[in-house]
Structure formats: structure tokens, C-alpha cells
């Protein structure tokens, strides 16, 4: 089915879409932390890459990455249409993940990143 919008119109529409993060996974992680008495985590902590959870005293960050967006092959669901666009998008996400992990790990050894490992 053809798009009813021009490329520029579609681009403007997509720029307005804002992420709510991976809420269902994050909510399950919160429940897991609470059920297992894991304390000391913070959300929305100001660090590179905007980690989902930060344990400041332990110097650990956790990313709750969605499989599709970060190139994990556990579900093997690849888009049928606009394949080149999605492959480029996911490749950029993977590159950004590795850069952010390096930044966090190189910050004077202050943080260890979990979740961006492919």
C-alpha cells in the first residue's frame, strides 16, 4: 500500500513521535528488583546514553534494550518493507550502543554498562 504522505510530510510526522521507552520491560525489571530486595537503583539518572537504571554506589548501569531496535536476533523478525531503511537504522543503533558503552566504561572506570551486549 502506498503512503498517502510525501517523504517530507512523513518525516515531519515521525519527528513528532516521542518514545515512552521500553516501559513493559522496565516495569518487569522494577518488579524483579523489588521482589529480590535489590536496592540502590535510580531512573532518569543524568548519564551518557540515558540508561534505564543506574546503581550509582555500585557504578553499574542497565539498559533495557528492545530486541528489534538493537539488532538482537532472538525473535528473527525483520521488516518486509523498507528493509534498507530499517537495516541502516538498526546498524546506527548498534553503533551508538557500542559508543555509549565505551564512554561509560572509560569514564575513569566509574561505570559498567549492561544490556548493550549483542
N, C-alpha and C. Protein backbone atom coordinates (compact mmCIF):
# COMPACT_ATOMS: atom_id res chain seq x y z
N UNK A 1 0.84 -1.17 0.00
CA UNK A 1 0.00 0.00 0.00
C UNK A 1 0.89 1.23 0.00
N UNK A 2 0.61 2.17 -0.87
CA UNK A 2 1.40 3.39 -1.00
C UNK A 2 1.08 4.34 0.15
N UNK A 3 2.08 5.07 0.57
CA UNK A 3 1.91 6.06 1.63
C UNK A 3 1.14 7.25 1.07
N UNK A 4 0.22 7.79 1.85
CA UNK A 4 -0.56 8.94 1.39
C UNK A 4 0.17 10.25 1.61
N UNK A 5 1.31 10.21 2.31
CA UNK A 5 2.10 11.40 2.58
C UNK A 5 3.36 11.41 1.73
N UNK A 6 3.88 12.60 1.46
CA UNK A 6 5.17 12.71 0.79
C UNK A 6 6.26 12.30 1.78
N UNK A 7 7.47 12.10 1.28
CA UNK A 7 8.58 11.73 2.17
C UNK A 7 8.81 12.81 3.23
N UNK A 8 8.75 14.07 2.83
CA UNK A 8 8.97 15.17 3.78
C UNK A 8 7.85 15.21 4.83
N UNK A 9 6.61 15.03 4.42
CA UNK A 9 5.49 15.02 5.36
C UNK A 9 5.63 13.86 6.35
N UNK A 10 5.97 12.68 5.83
CA UNK A 10 6.14 11.52 6.70
C UNK A 10 7.28 11.76 7.68
N UNK A 11 8.35 12.38 7.22
CA UNK A 11 9.49 12.69 8.08
C UNK A 11 9.08 13.65 9.20
N UNK A 12 8.29 14.66 8.87
CA UNK A 12 7.82 15.60 9.89
C UNK A 12 6.93 14.91 10.91
N UNK A 13 6.07 14.02 10.45
CA UNK A 13 5.19 13.28 11.36
C UNK A 13 6.02 12.41 12.31
N UNK A 14 7.01 11.70 11.77
CA UNK A 14 7.82 10.79 12.58
C UNK A 14 8.70 11.54 13.57
N UNK A 15 9.13 12.76 13.22
CA UNK A 15 9.94 13.56 14.15
C UNK A 15 9.14 13.93 15.40
N UNK A 16 7.83 13.99 15.29
CA UNK A 16 6.98 14.36 16.42
C UNK A 16 6.71 13.19 17.35
N UNK A 17 7.00 11.98 16.92
CA UNK A 17 6.77 10.80 17.74
C UNK A 17 7.84 10.74 18.82
N UNK A 18 7.43 10.65 20.06
CA UNK A 18 8.36 10.59 21.18
C UNK A 18 8.25 9.23 21.86
N UNK A 19 9.38 8.72 22.24
CA UNK A 19 9.43 7.40 22.87
C UNK A 19 8.94 7.45 24.31
N UNK A 20 8.29 6.36 24.71
CA UNK A 20 7.93 6.16 26.11
C UNK A 20 8.87 5.13 26.72
N UNK A 21 9.97 4.92 26.05
CA UNK A 21 10.96 3.91 26.43
C UNK A 21 10.34 2.52 26.34
N UNK A 22 10.99 1.56 26.87
CA UNK A 22 10.54 0.18 26.81
C UNK A 22 9.83 -0.11 28.13
N UNK A 23 8.67 0.50 28.31
CA UNK A 23 8.02 0.51 29.62
C UNK A 23 7.69 -0.87 30.17
N UNK A 24 7.18 -1.77 29.35
CA UNK A 24 6.79 -3.07 29.89
C UNK A 24 8.00 -3.82 30.44
N UNK A 25 9.12 -3.76 29.74
CA UNK A 25 10.34 -4.41 30.23
C UNK A 25 10.85 -3.72 31.48
N UNK A 26 10.81 -2.40 31.49
CA UNK A 26 11.28 -1.67 32.66
C UNK A 26 10.41 -1.95 33.88
N UNK A 27 9.12 -2.05 33.69
CA UNK A 27 8.22 -2.36 34.81
C UNK A 27 8.51 -3.75 35.35
N UNK A 28 8.79 -4.70 34.46
CA UNK A 28 9.15 -6.05 34.92
C UNK A 28 10.47 -6.05 35.68
N UNK A 29 11.43 -5.23 35.22
CA UNK A 29 12.70 -5.14 35.95
C UNK A 29 12.50 -4.53 37.33
N UNK A 30 11.66 -3.51 37.43
CA UNK A 30 11.38 -2.91 38.74
C UNK A 30 10.78 -3.96 39.67
N UNK A 31 9.82 -4.73 39.16
CA UNK A 31 9.20 -5.79 39.96
C UNK A 31 10.24 -6.81 40.39
N UNK A 32 11.15 -7.16 39.47
CA UNK A 32 12.22 -8.11 39.80
C UNK A 32 13.12 -7.54 40.89
N UNK A 33 13.53 -6.28 40.75
CA UNK A 33 14.39 -5.65 41.76
C UNK A 33 13.71 -5.68 43.13
N UNK A 34 12.43 -5.31 43.16
CA UNK A 34 11.71 -5.26 44.43
C UNK A 34 11.54 -6.65 45.03
N UNK A 35 11.17 -7.63 44.19
CA UNK A 35 10.95 -8.99 44.69
C UNK A 35 12.23 -9.60 45.24
N UNK A 36 13.36 -9.19 44.70
CA UNK A 36 14.65 -9.74 45.13
C UNK A 36 15.42 -8.79 46.03
N UNK A 37 14.73 -7.79 46.55
CA UNK A 37 15.31 -6.83 47.50
C UNK A 37 16.58 -6.18 46.96
N UNK A 38 16.57 -5.89 45.68
CA UNK A 38 17.70 -5.19 45.05
C UNK A 38 17.43 -3.70 45.19
N UNK A 39 18.30 -3.03 45.89
CA UNK A 39 18.08 -1.61 46.20
C UNK A 39 19.21 -0.75 45.63
N UNK A 40 19.01 0.53 45.68
CA UNK A 40 20.05 1.47 45.27
C UNK A 40 19.96 1.89 43.82
N UNK A 41 18.92 1.50 43.11
CA UNK A 41 18.82 1.88 41.70
C UNK A 41 18.07 3.19 41.56
N UNK A 42 18.43 3.88 40.50
CA UNK A 42 17.79 5.16 40.17
C UNK A 42 17.40 5.13 38.71
N UNK A 43 16.36 5.88 38.39
CA UNK A 43 15.94 6.05 37.00
C UNK A 43 16.16 7.51 36.62
N UNK A 44 16.26 7.77 35.33
CA UNK A 44 16.46 9.11 34.80
C UNK A 44 17.69 9.78 35.41
N UNK A 45 18.72 9.00 35.60
CA UNK A 45 19.99 9.49 36.13
C UNK A 45 20.76 10.12 34.98
N UNK A 46 21.33 11.31 35.16
CA UNK A 46 21.97 12.03 34.04
C UNK A 46 23.32 11.45 33.62
N UNK A 47 23.28 10.45 32.75
CA UNK A 47 24.49 9.84 32.21
C UNK A 47 24.37 9.72 30.70
N UNK A 48 25.49 9.57 30.03
CA UNK A 48 25.50 9.37 28.59
C UNK A 48 24.68 8.15 28.23
N UNK A 49 23.88 8.27 27.18
CA UNK A 49 23.08 7.15 26.70
C UNK A 49 21.76 6.97 27.41
N UNK A 50 21.50 7.75 28.44
CA UNK A 50 20.25 7.68 29.20
C UNK A 50 19.92 6.24 29.63
N UNK A 51 20.73 5.65 30.50
CA UNK A 51 20.46 4.28 30.94
C UNK A 51 19.10 4.19 31.62
N UNK A 52 18.48 3.01 31.53
CA UNK A 52 17.17 2.82 32.14
C UNK A 52 17.27 2.74 33.66
N UNK A 53 18.33 2.14 34.15
CA UNK A 53 18.56 2.03 35.59
C UNK A 53 20.03 2.30 35.88
N UNK A 54 20.27 3.02 36.95
CA UNK A 54 21.64 3.30 37.39
C UNK A 54 21.74 2.95 38.86
N UNK A 55 22.80 2.22 39.21
CA UNK A 55 23.13 1.92 40.59
C UNK A 55 24.37 2.76 40.91
N UNK A 56 24.17 4.03 41.34
CA UNK A 56 25.31 4.95 41.49
C UNK A 56 26.40 4.44 42.44
N UNK A 57 26.03 3.88 43.58
CA UNK A 57 27.05 3.42 44.53
C UNK A 57 27.85 2.24 44.00
N UNK A 58 27.22 1.41 43.19
CA UNK A 58 27.89 0.24 42.61
C UNK A 58 28.56 0.57 41.28
N UNK A 59 28.23 1.76 40.74
CA UNK A 59 28.76 2.21 39.45
C UNK A 59 28.36 1.25 38.32
N UNK A 60 27.08 0.91 38.30
CA UNK A 60 26.54 -0.01 37.30
C UNK A 60 25.35 0.67 36.62
N UNK A 61 25.28 0.52 35.30
CA UNK A 61 24.11 1.00 34.56
C UNK A 61 23.48 -0.19 33.85
N UNK A 62 22.16 -0.13 33.67
CA UNK A 62 21.43 -1.21 32.99
C UNK A 62 20.58 -0.58 31.88
N UNK A 63 20.71 -1.14 30.68
CA UNK A 63 19.90 -0.73 29.55
C UNK A 63 18.90 -1.84 29.26
N UNK A 64 17.61 -1.51 29.24
CA UNK A 64 16.57 -2.48 28.90
C UNK A 64 16.27 -2.30 27.42
N UNK A 65 17.13 -2.82 26.58
CA UNK A 65 17.04 -2.62 25.13
C UNK A 65 16.04 -3.58 24.50
N UNK A 66 15.24 -3.04 23.58
CA UNK A 66 14.32 -3.86 22.80
C UNK A 66 15.09 -4.63 21.74
N UNK A 67 14.75 -5.88 21.56
CA UNK A 67 15.48 -6.74 20.63
C UNK A 67 15.47 -6.21 19.20
N UNK A 68 14.31 -5.79 18.72
CA UNK A 68 14.22 -5.31 17.34
C UNK A 68 15.11 -4.10 17.12
N UNK A 69 15.01 -3.10 17.99
CA UNK A 69 15.70 -1.83 17.79
C UNK A 69 17.20 -1.93 17.94
N UNK A 70 17.70 -2.95 18.61
CA UNK A 70 19.13 -3.05 18.87
C UNK A 70 19.77 -4.24 18.18
N UNK A 71 19.06 -4.82 17.20
CA UNK A 71 19.65 -5.83 16.33
C UNK A 71 19.83 -7.20 16.92
N UNK A 72 19.15 -7.50 18.02
CA UNK A 72 19.24 -8.85 18.57
C UNK A 72 18.44 -9.78 17.68
N UNK A 73 18.93 -10.97 17.47
CA UNK A 73 18.27 -11.92 16.56
C UNK A 73 17.42 -12.96 17.28
N UNK A 74 17.07 -12.70 18.51
CA UNK A 74 16.35 -13.72 19.28
C UNK A 74 14.94 -13.98 18.73
N UNK A 75 14.33 -13.00 18.09
CA UNK A 75 12.98 -13.20 17.55
C UNK A 75 12.98 -13.36 16.03
N UNK A 76 14.04 -13.00 15.42
CA UNK A 76 14.20 -13.11 13.97
C UNK A 76 13.07 -12.42 13.19
N UNK A 77 12.59 -11.31 13.72
CA UNK A 77 11.55 -10.58 13.00
C UNK A 77 12.17 -9.39 12.28
N UNK A 78 12.26 -9.51 10.99
CA UNK A 78 12.82 -8.45 10.15
C UNK A 78 11.69 -7.86 9.31
N UNK A 79 11.67 -6.56 9.14
CA UNK A 79 10.60 -5.95 8.36
C UNK A 79 10.67 -6.37 6.90
N UNK A 80 9.51 -6.55 6.32
CA UNK A 80 9.42 -6.95 4.91
C UNK A 80 9.55 -5.73 4.00
N UNK A 81 8.99 -4.60 4.43
CA UNK A 81 9.01 -3.40 3.59
C UNK A 81 10.05 -2.42 4.11
N UNK A 82 10.57 -1.63 3.20
CA UNK A 82 11.55 -0.59 3.53
C UNK A 82 12.76 -1.18 4.26
N UNK A 83 13.17 -2.37 3.83
CA UNK A 83 14.21 -3.13 4.50
C UNK A 83 15.53 -2.37 4.65
N UNK A 84 15.95 -1.68 3.60
CA UNK A 84 17.21 -0.95 3.64
C UNK A 84 17.19 0.13 4.73
N UNK A 85 16.07 0.85 4.84
CA UNK A 85 15.94 1.88 5.88
C UNK A 85 16.12 1.27 7.27
N UNK A 86 15.39 0.16 7.54
CA UNK A 86 15.45 -0.45 8.86
C UNK A 86 16.81 -1.05 9.17
N UNK A 87 17.45 -1.64 8.17
CA UNK A 87 18.79 -2.18 8.40
C UNK A 87 19.77 -1.07 8.77
N UNK A 88 19.67 0.08 8.07
CA UNK A 88 20.53 1.23 8.40
C UNK A 88 20.22 1.77 9.79
N UNK A 89 18.94 1.89 10.13
CA UNK A 89 18.52 2.39 11.43
C UNK A 89 19.06 1.51 12.55
N UNK A 90 18.89 0.20 12.41
CA UNK A 90 19.35 -0.73 13.44
C UNK A 90 20.87 -0.73 13.54
N UNK A 91 21.56 -0.63 12.40
CA UNK A 91 23.03 -0.56 12.40
C UNK A 91 23.50 0.68 13.15
N UNK A 92 22.83 1.81 12.96
CA UNK A 92 23.19 3.03 13.70
C UNK A 92 22.94 2.86 15.19
N UNK A 93 21.85 2.19 15.56
CA UNK A 93 21.57 1.94 16.98
C UNK A 93 22.67 1.09 17.60
N UNK A 94 23.09 0.04 16.89
CA UNK A 94 24.15 -0.84 17.40
C UNK A 94 25.45 -0.06 17.57
N UNK A 95 25.78 0.79 16.60
CA UNK A 95 26.99 1.61 16.70
C UNK A 95 26.89 2.56 17.90
N UNK A 96 25.74 3.21 18.04
CA UNK A 96 25.55 4.13 19.17
C UNK A 96 25.67 3.38 20.49
N UNK A 97 25.09 2.18 20.57
CA UNK A 97 25.19 1.38 21.79
C UNK A 97 26.65 1.13 22.17
N UNK A 98 27.47 0.76 21.18
CA UNK A 98 28.87 0.46 21.49
C UNK A 98 29.63 1.72 21.89
N UNK A 99 29.31 2.86 21.27
CA UNK A 99 29.96 4.13 21.63
C UNK A 99 29.59 4.52 23.05
N UNK A 100 28.31 4.43 23.39
CA UNK A 100 27.85 4.80 24.74
C UNK A 100 28.47 3.87 25.79
N UNK A 101 28.52 2.58 25.49
CA UNK A 101 29.14 1.63 26.43
C UNK A 101 30.59 2.00 26.67
N UNK A 102 31.31 2.33 25.60
CA UNK A 102 32.72 2.71 25.74
C UNK A 102 32.85 4.00 26.56
N UNK A 103 32.01 4.99 26.29
CA UNK A 103 32.06 6.25 27.05
C UNK A 103 31.86 5.98 28.53
N UNK A 104 30.87 5.17 28.86
CA UNK A 104 30.59 4.89 30.28
C UNK A 104 31.72 4.09 30.92
N UNK A 105 32.24 3.10 30.22
CA UNK A 105 33.30 2.29 30.80
C UNK A 105 34.62 3.04 30.89
N UNK A 106 34.84 4.01 29.99
CA UNK A 106 36.08 4.79 30.02
C UNK A 106 36.01 6.01 30.93
N UNK A 107 34.87 6.24 31.56
CA UNK A 107 34.74 7.42 32.41
C UNK A 107 35.46 7.19 33.74
N UNK A 108 36.78 7.12 33.64
CA UNK A 108 37.64 6.86 34.80
C UNK A 108 37.26 5.57 35.52
N UNK A 109 36.77 4.60 34.75
CA UNK A 109 36.40 3.33 35.35
C UNK A 109 35.24 3.44 36.30
N UNK A 110 34.41 4.48 36.13
CA UNK A 110 33.37 4.73 37.12
C UNK A 110 32.10 3.93 36.91
N UNK A 111 31.79 3.54 35.67
CA UNK A 111 30.54 2.83 35.43
C UNK A 111 30.75 1.60 34.56
N UNK A 112 29.96 0.60 34.80
CA UNK A 112 29.94 -0.61 33.99
C UNK A 112 28.58 -0.73 33.36
N UNK A 113 28.54 -0.94 32.07
CA UNK A 113 27.28 -0.98 31.32
C UNK A 113 26.85 -2.40 31.04
N UNK A 114 25.59 -2.68 31.29
CA UNK A 114 25.00 -3.98 30.98
C UNK A 114 23.77 -3.75 30.12
N UNK A 115 23.58 -4.59 29.11
CA UNK A 115 22.38 -4.52 28.31
C UNK A 115 22.65 -4.23 26.85
N UNK A 116 23.81 -3.69 26.51
CA UNK A 116 24.10 -3.36 25.11
C UNK A 116 24.96 -4.43 24.46
N UNK A 117 25.11 -5.56 25.08
CA UNK A 117 25.95 -6.61 24.54
C UNK A 117 25.14 -7.42 23.54
N UNK A 118 25.64 -7.52 22.31
CA UNK A 118 24.92 -8.29 21.28
C UNK A 118 25.40 -9.72 21.25
